[in-house]
Amino acid sequence: MSQAHDTVLLEEAVAALVSDVNACYVDGTFGRGGHARAILDRLSPTGKLFAVDRDPEAVAAGLALAEADSRLQMLAGGFADMPALLRQAAWQTPVQGVLLDLGVSSPQLDQAARGFSFMRDGALDMRMDPTSGISAAQWLAEADERDIVNVLKTYGEERFAKRIARAIVEARSTAPLTTTHELAALVAAAIPVREPGKHPATRSFQAIRIHINDELGQLQRLLAQVVDLLAVGGRLVVISFHSLEDRIVKRFMRDQSRGEQLPRYLPVRDEQRGVRLRLVGAATRPGDAEVARNPRARSAVMRVAERIA
């Protein structure tokens, strides 16, 4: 059954984000609009929400919602392009908050044709924007074995990366890998040890998807620009679903909240040390009830920071 509308940490994220109901916000990962609708419910008639997504199906859903609510404007593109997209929309002033709900969405996982899930047999695509870039099948058909190993190790933390890469190269010499079930079966056969409660292809599918969509690169490029997008007092709210994403977010917020580390006795103000954010609360994770209702929420972690300079 589709879990398209079971938005993770919905109330917590919106409560952390919206501090001024009359201000402008950006939902950098619209998906099917779960967070966006909740944000709009909190905003006044003069509030504004920009929504960003690179998935054409998500963009279509956003445009439909925007027709019903003029406070929403849908922007098509990756969230790393957020500053340029806002300029194209003729928005020049800082925004009061930016929300990112990282990773793959439930609608993408639930559609076999998108190729994100080994649980459903479909074309081995995995692109968040199927009109751009190369598919997972094409990459696996052309990538050097060493590159496959590196992707599986780096993005999937897969300890059997060499075995899997060798199996892929051997298999494609006979026939190309074109479906999710073909890849999942190949990975399962290549791995000698099973992790309890986890499909053997989980890490490989995650790694290939992250690589195909440049997910960590998108995140790093946005973070390099996001503080300048925020008004003083504006907040960055990020929900991550695996350790690689969360590590990047955690380090960014920590570094921006500490600034340059100087001896304590030096009479240097925070702004002179480059302190631009303050951390808001501790990391937030879904409660037991939410995880029971939506098992995909179990690995989520939300971090919040506020611009101070």
C-alpha atoms as a PDB file:
ATOM      1  CA  MET A   1       0.000   0.000   0.000  1.00  0.00           C
ATOM      2  CA  SER A   2       1.250   3.488  -0.851  1.00  0.00           C
ATOM      3  CA  GLN A   3       2.436   5.654   2.020  1.00  0.00           C
ATOM      4  CA  ALA A   4       2.466   8.799  -0.106  1.00  0.00           C
ATOM      5  CA  HIS A   5       0.816  11.037   2.462  1.00  0.00           C
ATOM      6  CA  ASP A   6       2.474   9.825   5.681  1.00  0.00           C
ATOM      7  CA  THR A   7       4.836  12.770   6.109  1.00  0.00           C
ATOM      8  CA  VAL A   8       7.633  12.199   8.630  1.00  0.00           C
ATOM      9  CA  LEU A   9       7.944  14.505  11.668  1.00  0.00           C
ATOM     10  CA  LEU A  10       5.203  16.695  10.250  1.00  0.00           C
ATOM     11  CA  GLU A  11       4.147  18.668  13.320  1.00  0.00           C
ATOM     12  CA  GLU A  12       7.648  18.899  14.742  1.00  0.00           C
ATOM     13  CA  ALA A  13       9.162  20.246  11.528  1.00  0.00           C
ATOM     14  CA  VAL A  14       6.474  22.844  10.877  1.00  0.00           C
ATOM     15  CA  ALA A  15       6.495  24.046  14.487  1.00  0.00           C
ATOM     16  CA  ALA A  16      10.287  24.480  14.337  1.00  0.00           C
ATOM     17  CA  LEU A  17      10.152  26.250  10.973  1.00  0.00           C
ATOM     18  CA  VAL A  18       7.315  28.767  11.193  1.00  0.00           C
ATOM     19  CA  SER A  19       8.123  31.624  13.562  1.00  0.00           C
ATOM     20  CA  ASP A  20       6.274  34.427  11.734  1.00  0.00           C
ATOM     21  CA  VAL A  21       2.960  33.599  10.068  1.00  0.00           C
ATOM     22  CA  ASN A  22       3.244  36.623   7.767  1.00  0.00           C
ATOM     23  CA  ALA A  23       6.686  35.743   6.392  1.00  0.00           C
ATOM     24  CA  CYS A  24       8.069  33.778   3.426  1.00  0.00           C
ATOM     25  CA  TYR A  25       9.325  30.175   3.654  1.00  0.00           C
ATOM     26  CA  VAL A  26      10.822  27.589   1.314  1.00  0.00           C
ATOM     27  CA  ASP A  27       9.979  23.878   1.259  1.00  0.00           C
ATOM     28  CA  GLY A  28      13.009  22.564  -0.606  1.00  0.00           C
ATOM     29  CA  THR A  29      11.616  19.043  -1.068  1.00  0.00           C
ATOM     30  CA  PHE A  30       7.916  19.305  -1.914  1.00  0.00           C
ATOM     31  CA  GLY A  31       7.248  15.617  -2.660  1.00  0.00           C
ATOM     32  CA  ARG A  32       3.479  15.409  -2.472  1.00  0.00           C
ATOM     33  CA  GLY A  33       3.083  18.451  -0.277  1.00  0.00           C
ATOM     34  CA  GLY A  34       2.676  17.003   3.210  1.00  0.00           C
ATOM     35  CA  HIS A  35       4.895  19.585   4.895  1.00  0.00           C
ATOM     36  CA  ALA A  36       3.824  22.316   2.459  1.00  0.00           C
ATOM     37  CA  ARG A  37       0.124  21.941   3.309  1.00  0.00           C
ATOM     38  CA  ALA A  38       0.890  22.055   7.027  1.00  0.00           C
ATOM     39  CA  ILE A  39       3.001  25.194   6.552  1.00  0.00           C
ATOM     40  CA  LEU A  40       0.233  26.860   4.562  1.00  0.00           C
ATOM     41  CA  ASP A  41      -2.241  25.985   7.318  1.00  0.00           C
ATOM     42  CA  ARG A  42      -0.091  27.999   9.738  1.00  0.00           C
ATOM     43  CA  LEU A  43       0.537  31.010   7.499  1.00  0.00           C
ATOM     44  CA  SER A  44      -1.639  34.101   7.423  1.00  0.00           C
ATOM     45  CA  PRO A  45      -3.314  35.264   4.189  1.00  0.00           C
ATOM     46  CA  THR A  46      -0.227  37.417   3.522  1.00  0.00           C
ATOM     47  CA  GLY A  47       2.302  34.627   4.148  1.00  0.00           C
ATOM     48  CA  LYS A  48       4.227  33.067   1.257  1.00  0.00           C
ATOM     49  CA  LEU A  49       5.615  29.610   0.530  1.00  0.00           C
ATOM     50  CA  PHE A  50       7.943  28.602  -2.276  1.00  0.00           C
ATOM     51  CA  ALA A  51       8.136  24.875  -2.975  1.00  0.00           C
ATOM     52  CA  VAL A  52      11.031  23.241  -4.831  1.00  0.00           C
ATOM     53  CA  ASP A  53      11.295  19.773  -6.367  1.00  0.00           C
ATOM     54  CA  ARG A  54      13.054  18.207  -9.362  1.00  0.00           C
ATOM     55  CA  ASP A  55      10.639  15.294  -9.761  1.00  0.00           C
ATOM     56  CA  PRO A  56       8.175  16.164 -12.566  1.00  0.00           C
ATOM     57  CA  GLU A  57       5.353  14.332 -10.786  1.00  0.00           C
ATOM     58  CA  ALA A  58       5.986  16.322  -7.599  1.00  0.00           C
ATOM     59  CA  VAL A  59       6.092  19.547  -9.610  1.00  0.00           C
ATOM     60  CA  ALA A  60       2.738  18.701 -11.166  1.00  0.00           C
ATOM     61  CA  ALA A  61       1.259  18.070  -7.716  1.00  0.00           C
ATOM     62  CA  GLY A  62       2.693  21.374  -6.511  1.00  0.00           C
ATOM     63  CA  LEU A  63       1.295  23.313  -9.440  1.00  0.00           C
ATOM     64  CA  ALA A  64      -2.139  21.840  -8.756  1.00  0.00           C
ATOM     65  CA  LEU A  65      -1.938  22.914  -5.118  1.00  0.00           C
ATOM     66  CA  ALA A  66      -0.717  26.383  -6.137  1.00  0.00           C
ATOM     67  CA  GLU A  67      -3.820  26.818  -8.295  1.00  0.00           C
ATOM     68  CA  ALA A  68      -5.917  26.335  -5.185  1.00  0.00           C
ATOM     69  CA  ASP A  69      -3.737  28.485  -2.904  1.00  0.00           C
ATOM     70  CA  SER A  70      -2.085  31.596  -4.315  1.00  0.00           C
ATOM     71  CA  ARG A  71       0.304  31.802  -1.350  1.00  0.00           C
ATOM     72  CA  LEU A  72       2.210  28.834  -2.825  1.00  0.00           C
ATOM     73  CA  GLN A  73       4.561  29.079  -5.786  1.00  0.00           C
ATOM     74  CA  MET A  74       6.024  25.875  -7.227  1.00  0.00           C
ATOM     75  CA  LEU A  75       9.589  25.949  -8.574  1.00  0.00           C
ATOM     76  CA  ALA A  76      11.011  23.106 -10.685  1.00  0.00           C
ATOM     77  CA  GLY A  77      14.612  22.156  -9.946  1.00  0.00           C
ATOM     78  CA  GLY A  78      16.993  20.625  -7.457  1.00  0.00           C
ATOM     79  CA  PHE A  79      17.202  22.261  -4.040  1.00  0.00           C
ATOM     80  CA  ALA A  80      20.864  23.112  -4.634  1.00  0.00           C
ATOM     81  CA  ASP A  81      19.521  25.585  -7.213  1.00  0.00           C
ATOM     82  CA  MET A  82      17.246  27.250  -4.648  1.00  0.00           C
ATOM     83  CA  PRO A  83      18.950  30.691  -4.724  1.00  0.00           C
ATOM     84  CA  ALA A  84      18.777  30.830  -8.534  1.00  0.00           C
ATOM     85  CA  LEU A  85      15.185  29.572  -8.564  1.00  0.00           C
ATOM     86  CA  LEU A  86      14.149  32.265  -6.088  1.00  0.00           C
ATOM     87  CA  ARG A  87      15.838  34.924  -8.214  1.00  0.00           C
ATOM     88  CA  GLN A  88      14.016  33.641 -11.288  1.00  0.00           C
ATOM     89  CA  ALA A  89      10.791  33.957  -9.309  1.00  0.00           C
ATOM     90  CA  ALA A  90      11.729  37.620  -8.654  1.00  0.00           C
ATOM     91  CA  TRP A  91      12.091  37.075  -4.894  1.00  0.00           C
ATOM     92  CA  GLN A  92      14.945  39.272  -3.656  1.00  0.00           C
ATOM     93  CA  THR A  93      14.570  39.429   0.126  1.00  0.00           C
ATOM     94  CA  PRO A  94      15.698  36.827   2.677  1.00  0.00           C
ATOM     95  CA  VAL A  95      13.240  34.111   3.711  1.00  0.00           C
ATOM     96  CA  GLN A  96      12.182  33.252   7.238  1.00  0.00           C
ATOM     97  CA  GLY A  97      12.836  29.541   6.940  1.00  0.00           C
ATOM     98  CA  VAL A  98      14.032  26.674   4.741  1.00  0.00           C
ATOM     99  CA  LEU A  99      12.849  23.090   5.188  1.00  0.00           C
ATOM    100  CA  LEU A 100      14.559  20.029   3.689  1.00  0.00           C
ATOM    101  CA  ASP A 101      13.105  16.522   3.937  1.00  0.00           C
ATOM    102  CA  LEU A 102      15.946  14.534   2.414  1.00  0.00           C
ATOM    103  CA  GLY A 103      16.099  11.209   0.611  1.00  0.00           C
ATOM    104  CA  VAL A 104      13.605   9.396  -1.568  1.00  0.00           C
ATOM    105  CA  SER A 105       9.869   9.978  -1.175  1.00  0.00           C
ATOM    106  CA  SER A 106       7.194   7.356  -0.604  1.00  0.00           C
ATOM    107  CA  PRO A 107       5.571   7.924  -4.034  1.00  0.00           C
ATOM    108  CA  GLN A 108       8.934   7.318  -5.677  1.00  0.00           C
ATOM    109  CA  LEU A 109       9.457   4.109  -3.709  1.00  0.00           C
ATOM    110  CA  ASP A 110       5.942   2.896  -4.309  1.00  0.00           C
ATOM    111  CA  GLN A 111       6.025   3.177  -8.113  1.00  0.00           C
ATOM    112  CA  ALA A 112       7.764   0.170  -9.647  1.00  0.00           C
ATOM    113  CA  ALA A 113       8.444   2.088 -12.858  1.00  0.00           C
ATOM    114  CA  ARG A 114      10.704   4.526 -11.005  1.00  0.00           C
ATOM    115  CA  GLY A 115      13.121   1.745 -10.076  1.00  0.00           C
ATOM    116  CA  PHE A 116      13.918   2.894  -6.538  1.00  0.00           C
ATOM    117  CA  SER A 117      12.802  -0.208  -4.658  1.00  0.00           C
ATOM    118  CA  PHE A 118      13.986  -3.808  -4.813  1.00  0.00           C
ATOM    119  CA  MET A 119      10.592  -4.775  -3.397  1.00  0.00           C
ATOM    120  CA  ARG A 120       8.896  -4.036  -6.739  1.00  0.00           C
ATOM    121  CA  ASP A 121      10.131  -5.214 -10.112  1.00  0.00           C
ATOM    122  CA  GLY A 122      10.551  -2.359 -12.525  1.00  0.00           C
ATOM    123  CA  ALA A 123      12.964  -0.609 -14.841  1.00  0.00           C
ATOM    124  CA  LEU A 124      16.300   0.099 -13.175  1.00  0.00           C
ATOM    125  CA  ASP A 125      16.056   3.901 -13.323  1.00  0.00           C
ATOM    126  CA  MET A 126      16.314   5.565  -9.866  1.00  0.00           C
ATOM    127  CA  ARG A 127      16.397   9.141 -11.207  1.00  0.00           C
ATOM    128  CA  MET A 128      14.419  11.691  -9.207  1.00  0.00           C
ATOM    129  CA  ASP A 129      14.092  13.589 -12.469  1.00  0.00           C
ATOM    130  CA  PRO A 130      13.616  10.913 -15.165  1.00  0.00           C
ATOM    131  CA  THR A 131      14.100  13.548 -17.886  1.00  0.00           C
ATOM    132  CA  SER A 132      17.668  14.370 -16.849  1.00  0.00           C
ATOM    133  CA  GLY A 133      20.932  12.475 -16.431  1.00  0.00           C
ATOM    134  CA  ILE A 134      21.613   8.769 -16.842  1.00  0.00           C
ATOM    135  CA  SER A 135      19.623   5.928 -15.309  1.00  0.00           C
ATOM    136  CA  ALA A 136      21.018   3.408 -12.845  1.00  0.00           C
ATOM    137  CA  ALA A 137      20.913   0.761 -15.596  1.00  0.00           C
ATOM    138  CA  GLN A 138      23.006   2.900 -17.918  1.00  0.00           C
ATOM    139  CA  TRP A 139      25.526   3.721 -15.200  1.00  0.00           C
ATOM    140  CA  LEU A 140      25.894   0.074 -14.187  1.00  0.00           C
ATOM    141  CA  ALA A 141      26.396  -0.855 -17.845  1.00  0.00           C
ATOM    142  CA  GLU A 142      29.203   1.660 -18.334  1.00  0.00           C
ATOM    143  CA  ALA A 143      30.908   2.301 -14.988  1.00  0.00           C
ATOM    144  CA  ASP A 144      34.392   1.050 -14.252  1.00  0.00           C
ATOM    145  CA  GLU A 145      34.484  -1.714 -11.646  1.00  0.00           C
ATOM    146  CA  ARG A 146      36.556   0.473  -9.330  1.00  0.00           C
ATOM    147  CA  ASP A 147      33.962   3.242  -9.582  1.00  0.00           C
ATOM    148  CA  ILE A 148      31.185   0.819  -8.655  1.00  0.00           C
ATOM    149  CA  VAL A 149      33.184  -0.344  -5.634  1.00  0.00           C
ATOM    150  CA  ASN A 150      33.761   3.250  -4.544  1.00  0.00           C
ATOM    151  CA  VAL A 151      30.077   4.178  -4.825  1.00  0.00           C
ATOM    152  CA  LEU A 152      28.936   1.105  -2.875  1.00  0.00           C
ATOM    153  CA  LYS A 153      31.502   1.732  -0.140  1.00  0.00           C
ATOM    154  CA  THR A 154      31.098   5.495   0.101  1.00  0.00           C
ATOM    155  CA  TYR A 155      27.331   5.879  -0.166  1.00  0.00           C
ATOM    156  CA  GLY A 156      26.152   2.479   1.031  1.00  0.00           C
ATOM    157  CA  GLU A 157      28.885   1.622   3.532  1.00  0.00           C
ATOM    158  CA  GLU A 158      28.720  -1.824   1.937  1.00  0.00           C
ATOM    159  CA  ARG A 159      31.507  -4.083   3.207  1.00  0.00           C
ATOM    160  CA  PHE A 160      31.039  -6.541   0.324  1.00  0.00           C
ATOM    161  CA  ALA A 161      31.373  -3.819  -2.318  1.00  0.00           C
ATOM    162  CA  LYS A 162      34.148  -5.612  -4.212  1.00  0.00           C
ATOM    163  CA  ARG A 163      32.182  -8.855  -4.464  1.00  0.00           C
ATOM    164  CA  ILE A 164      29.083  -7.026  -5.681  1.00  0.00           C
ATOM    165  CA  ALA A 165      30.977  -4.921  -8.217  1.00  0.00           C
ATOM    166  CA  ARG A 166      32.718  -7.987  -9.625  1.00  0.00           C
ATOM    167  CA  ALA A 167      29.361  -9.778  -9.933  1.00  0.00           C
ATOM    168  CA  ILE A 168      27.868  -6.773 -11.768  1.00  0.00           C
ATOM    169  CA  VAL A 169      30.749  -6.613 -14.228  1.00  0.00           C
ATOM    170  CA  GLU A 170      30.587 -10.346 -14.888  1.00  0.00           C
ATOM    171  CA  ALA A 171      26.806 -10.310 -15.353  1.00  0.00           C
ATOM    172  CA  ARG A 172      26.785  -7.364 -17.760  1.00  0.00           C
ATOM    173  CA  SER A 173      29.289  -9.091 -20.005  1.00  0.00           C
ATOM    174  CA  THR A 174      26.491 -11.513 -20.862  1.00  0.00           C
ATOM    175  CA  ALA A 175      23.454  -9.236 -20.705  1.00  0.00           C
ATOM    176  CA  PRO A 176      22.758  -5.774 -19.275  1.00  0.00           C
ATOM    177  CA  LEU A 177      21.030  -5.362 -15.927  1.00  0.00           C
ATOM    178  CA  THR A 178      17.710  -3.693 -16.684  1.00  0.00           C
ATOM    179  CA  THR A 179      15.337  -4.394 -13.786  1.00  0.00           C
ATOM    180  CA  THR A 180      15.335  -3.908 -10.036  1.00  0.00           C
ATOM    181  CA  HIS A 181      14.741  -7.586  -9.321  1.00  0.00           C
ATOM    182  CA  GLU A 182      17.718  -8.569 -11.494  1.00  0.00           C
ATOM    183  CA  LEU A 183      20.005  -6.270  -9.530  1.00  0.00           C
ATOM    184  CA  ALA A 184      18.570  -7.302  -6.165  1.00  0.00           C
ATOM    185  CA  ALA A 185      19.023 -11.006  -6.949  1.00  0.00           C
ATOM    186  CA  LEU A 186      22.586 -10.449  -8.160  1.00  0.00           C
ATOM    187  CA  VAL A 187      23.509  -8.523  -4.992  1.00  0.00           C
ATOM    188  CA  ALA A 188      21.888 -11.148  -2.759  1.00  0.00           C
ATOM    189  CA  ALA A 189      23.857 -13.904  -4.474  1.00  0.00           C
ATOM    190  CA  ALA A 190      27.129 -11.989  -4.108  1.00  0.00           C
ATOM    191  CA  ILE A 191      26.834 -11.342  -0.361  1.00  0.00           C
ATOM    192  CA  PRO A 192      27.902 -14.244   1.883  1.00  0.00           C
ATOM    193  CA  VAL A 193      26.462 -12.866   5.139  1.00  0.00           C
ATOM    194  CA  ARG A 194      22.975 -11.533   5.852  1.00  0.00           C
ATOM    195  CA  GLU A 195      22.131  -8.674   8.227  1.00  0.00           C
ATOM    196  CA  PRO A 196      19.131  -9.652  10.403  1.00  0.00           C
ATOM    197  CA  GLY A 197      15.980  -7.872   9.325  1.00  0.00           C
ATOM    198  CA  LYS A 198      17.576  -6.203   6.276  1.00  0.00           C
ATOM    199  CA  HIS A 199      17.388  -7.186   2.613  1.00  0.00           C
ATOM    200  CA  PRO A 200      20.926  -7.804   1.271  1.00  0.00           C
ATOM    201  CA  ALA A 201      20.377  -5.284  -1.544  1.00  0.00           C
ATOM    202  CA  THR A 202      19.392  -2.401   0.774  1.00  0.00           C
ATOM    203  CA  ARG A 203      22.825  -0.784   0.961  1.00  0.00           C
ATOM    204  CA  SER A 204      23.543  -1.188  -2.750  1.00  0.00           C
ATOM    205  CA  PHE A 205      20.243   0.336  -3.839  1.00  0.00           C
ATOM    206  CA  GLN A 206      20.789   3.247  -1.446  1.00  0.00           C
ATOM    207  CA  ALA A 207      24.320   3.837  -2.721  1.00  0.00           C
ATOM    208  CA  ILE A 208      23.412   3.725  -6.409  1.00  0.00           C
ATOM    209  CA  ARG A 209      20.418   6.009  -5.885  1.00  0.00           C
ATOM    210  CA  ILE A 210      22.500   8.579  -3.998  1.00  0.00           C
ATOM    211  CA  HIS A 211      25.132   8.519  -6.715  1.00  0.00           C
ATOM    212  CA  ILE A 212      22.717   8.748  -9.646  1.00  0.00           C
ATOM    213  CA  ASN A 213      20.961  11.753  -8.108  1.00  0.00           C
ATOM    214  CA  ASP A 214      24.061  13.404  -6.606  1.00  0.00           C
ATOM    215  CA  GLU A 215      22.110  13.671  -3.369  1.00  0.00           C
ATOM    216  CA  LEU A 216      25.000  14.519  -1.064  1.00  0.00           C
ATOM    217  CA  GLY A 217      26.435  16.978  -3.577  1.00  0.00           C
ATOM    218  CA  GLN A 218      23.044  18.693  -3.799  1.00  0.00           C
ATOM    219  CA  LEU A 219      22.946  18.956  -0.013  1.00  0.00           C
ATOM    220  CA  GLN A 220      26.472  20.322   0.306  1.00  0.00           C
ATOM    221  CA  ARG A 221      25.922  22.926  -2.413  1.00  0.00           C
ATOM    222  CA  LEU A 222      22.749  24.199  -0.800  1.00  0.00           C
ATOM    223  CA  LEU A 223      24.265  24.357   2.679  1.00  0.00           C
ATOM    224  CA  ALA A 224      27.091  26.499   1.292  1.00  0.00           C
ATOM    225  CA  GLN A 225      24.474  29.095   0.279  1.00  0.00           C
ATOM    226  CA  VAL A 226      21.585  28.643   2.675  1.00  0.00           C
ATOM    227  CA  VAL A 227      22.608  31.013   5.484  1.00  0.00           C
ATOM    228  CA  ASP A 228      22.616  33.906   3.028  1.00  0.00           C
ATOM    229  CA  LEU A 229      19.059  32.984   2.020  1.00  0.00           C
ATOM    230  CA  LEU A 230      17.801  33.284   5.589  1.00  0.00           C
ATOM    231  CA  ALA A 231      16.751  36.453   7.367  1.00  0.00           C
ATOM    232  CA  VAL A 232      18.243  37.013  10.813  1.00  0.00           C
ATOM    233  CA  GLY A 233      16.038  34.886  13.065  1.00  0.00           C
ATOM    234  CA  GLY A 234      15.152  32.617  10.146  1.00  0.00           C
ATOM    235  CA  ARG A 235      15.496  28.871  10.591  1.00  0.00           C
ATOM    236  CA  LEU A 236      16.948  25.933   8.698  1.00  0.00           C
ATOM    237  CA  VAL A 237      15.123  22.657   9.408  1.00  0.00           C
ATOM    238  CA  VAL A 238      16.575  19.457   7.948  1.00  0.00           C
ATOM    239  CA  ILE A 239      15.200  15.920   8.201  1.00  0.00           C
ATOM    240  CA  SER A 240      17.736  13.230   7.280  1.00  0.00           C
ATOM    241  CA  PHE A 241      17.262   9.499   6.845  1.00  0.00           C
ATOM    242  CA  HIS A 242      20.754   8.043   6.938  1.00  0.00           C
ATOM    243  CA  SER A 243      24.037   8.759   8.638  1.00  0.00           C
ATOM    244  CA  LEU A 244      25.814  10.259   5.628  1.00  0.00           C
ATOM    245  CA  GLU A 245      23.212  13.013   5.225  1.00  0.00           C
ATOM    246  CA  ASP A 246      22.913  13.633   8.936  1.00  0.00           C
ATOM    247  CA  ARG A 247      26.699  13.837   9.363  1.00  0.00           C
ATOM    248  CA  ILE A 248      26.917  16.569   6.726  1.00  0.00           C
ATOM    249  CA  VAL A 249      24.053  18.544   8.297  1.00  0.00           C
ATOM    250  CA  LYS A 250      25.322  18.110  11.848  1.00  0.00           C
ATOM    251  CA  ARG A 251      28.850  19.264  10.985  1.00  0.00           C
ATOM    252  CA  PHE A 252      27.573  22.233   8.974  1.00  0.00           C
ATOM    253  CA  MET A 253      25.318  23.465  11.773  1.00  0.00           C
ATOM    254  CA  ARG A 254      28.017  22.860  14.377  1.00  0.00           C
ATOM    255  CA  ASP A 255      30.682  24.728  12.410  1.00  0.00           C
ATOM    256  CA  GLN A 256      28.359  27.659  11.653  1.00  0.00           C
ATOM    257  CA  SER A 257      27.417  27.878  15.331  1.00  0.00           C
ATOM    258  CA  ARG A 258      31.036  27.824  16.528  1.00  0.00           C
ATOM    259  CA  GLY A 259      32.785  29.945  13.921  1.00  0.00           C
ATOM    260  CA  GLU A 260      36.563  30.187  13.893  1.00  0.00           C
ATOM    261  CA  GLN A 261      38.027  28.636  17.027  1.00  0.00           C
ATOM    262  CA  LEU A 262      40.200  31.245  18.768  1.00  0.00           C
ATOM    263  CA  PRO A 263      41.701  31.431  22.272  1.00  0.00           C
ATOM    264  CA  ARG A 264      39.012  32.359  24.794  1.00  0.00           C
ATOM    265  CA  TYR A 265      40.916  35.347  26.136  1.00  0.00           C
ATOM    266  CA  LEU A 266      40.816  37.206  22.805  1.00  0.00           C
ATOM    267  CA  PRO A 267      38.211  40.011  22.797  1.00  0.00           C
ATOM    268  CA  VAL A 268      36.519  38.863  19.563  1.00  0.00           C
ATOM    269  CA  ARG A 269      32.761  39.043  19.004  1.00  0.00           C
ATOM    270  CA  ASP A 270      30.799  36.130  17.556  1.00  0.00           C
ATOM    271  CA  GLU A 271      30.235  37.857  14.219  1.00  0.00           C
ATOM    272  CA  GLN A 272      33.971  38.474  13.900  1.00  0.00           C
ATOM    273  CA  ARG A 273      34.595  34.749  14.345  1.00  0.00           C
ATOM    274  CA  GLY A 274      32.037  33.899  11.669  1.00  0.00           C
ATOM    275  CA  VAL A 275      29.324  32.592  13.990  1.00  0.00           C
ATOM    276  CA  ARG A 276      26.176  32.749  11.869  1.00  0.00           C
ATOM    277  CA  LEU A 277      23.852  30.108  13.325  1.00  0.00           C
ATOM    278  CA  ARG A 278      22.705  28.962  16.724  1.00  0.00           C
ATOM    279  CA  LEU A 279      21.520  25.428  17.313  1.00  0.00           C
ATOM    280  CA  VAL A 280      17.862  25.123  18.303  1.00  0.00           C
ATOM    281  CA  GLY A 281      17.270  22.213  20.646  1.00  0.00           C
ATOM    282  CA  ALA A 282      18.652  18.725  20.301  1.00  0.00           C
ATOM    283  CA  ALA A 283      18.198  16.342  17.400  1.00  0.00           C
ATOM    284  CA  THR A 284      14.578  15.171  17.140  1.00  0.00           C
ATOM    285  CA  ARG A 285      13.535  11.641  16.193  1.00  0.00           C
ATOM    286  CA  PRO A 286      10.097  10.144  15.566  1.00  0.00           C
ATOM    287  CA  GLY A 287       8.290   8.720  18.549  1.00  0.00           C
ATOM    288  CA  ASP A 288       7.258   5.091  18.896  1.00  0.00           C
ATOM    289  CA  ALA A 289       3.739   5.799  17.685  1.00  0.00           C
ATOM    290  CA  GLU A 290       4.939   7.405  14.457  1.00  0.00           C
ATOM    291  CA  VAL A 291       7.401   4.594  13.742  1.00  0.00           C
ATOM    292  CA  ALA A 292       4.671   2.009  14.363  1.00  0.00           C
ATOM    293  CA  ARG A 293       2.396   3.848  11.932  1.00  0.00           C
ATOM    294  CA  ASN A 294       5.117   4.505   9.359  1.00  0.00           C
ATOM    295  CA  PRO A 295       8.162   2.180   9.564  1.00  0.00           C
ATOM    296  CA  ARG A 296       9.979   4.337   6.986  1.00  0.00           C
ATOM    297  CA  ALA A 297      10.251   7.016   9.678  1.00  0.00           C
ATOM    298  CA  ARG A 298      12.407   4.896  11.970  1.00  0.00           C
ATOM    299  CA  SER A 299      15.757   6.300  10.784  1.00  0.00           C
ATOM    300  CA  ALA A 300      14.679   9.956  10.545  1.00  0.00           C
ATOM    301  CA  VAL A 301      16.472  12.666  12.507  1.00  0.00           C
ATOM    302  CA  MET A 302      15.622  16.371  12.442  1.00  0.00           C
ATOM    303  CA  ARG A 303      18.061  19.185  13.191  1.00  0.00           C
ATOM    304  CA  VAL A 304      17.243  22.879  13.488  1.00  0.00           C
ATOM    305  CA  ALA A 305      19.435  25.990  13.427  1.00  0.00           C
ATOM    306  CA  GLU A 306      18.601  29.706  13.446  1.00  0.00           C
ATOM    307  CA  ARG A 307      20.495  32.505  11.740  1.00  0.00           C
ATOM    308  CA  ILE A 308      21.898  35.040  14.211  1.00  0.00           C
ATOM    309  CA  ALA A 309      24.166  37.109  11.948  1.00  0.00           C
END
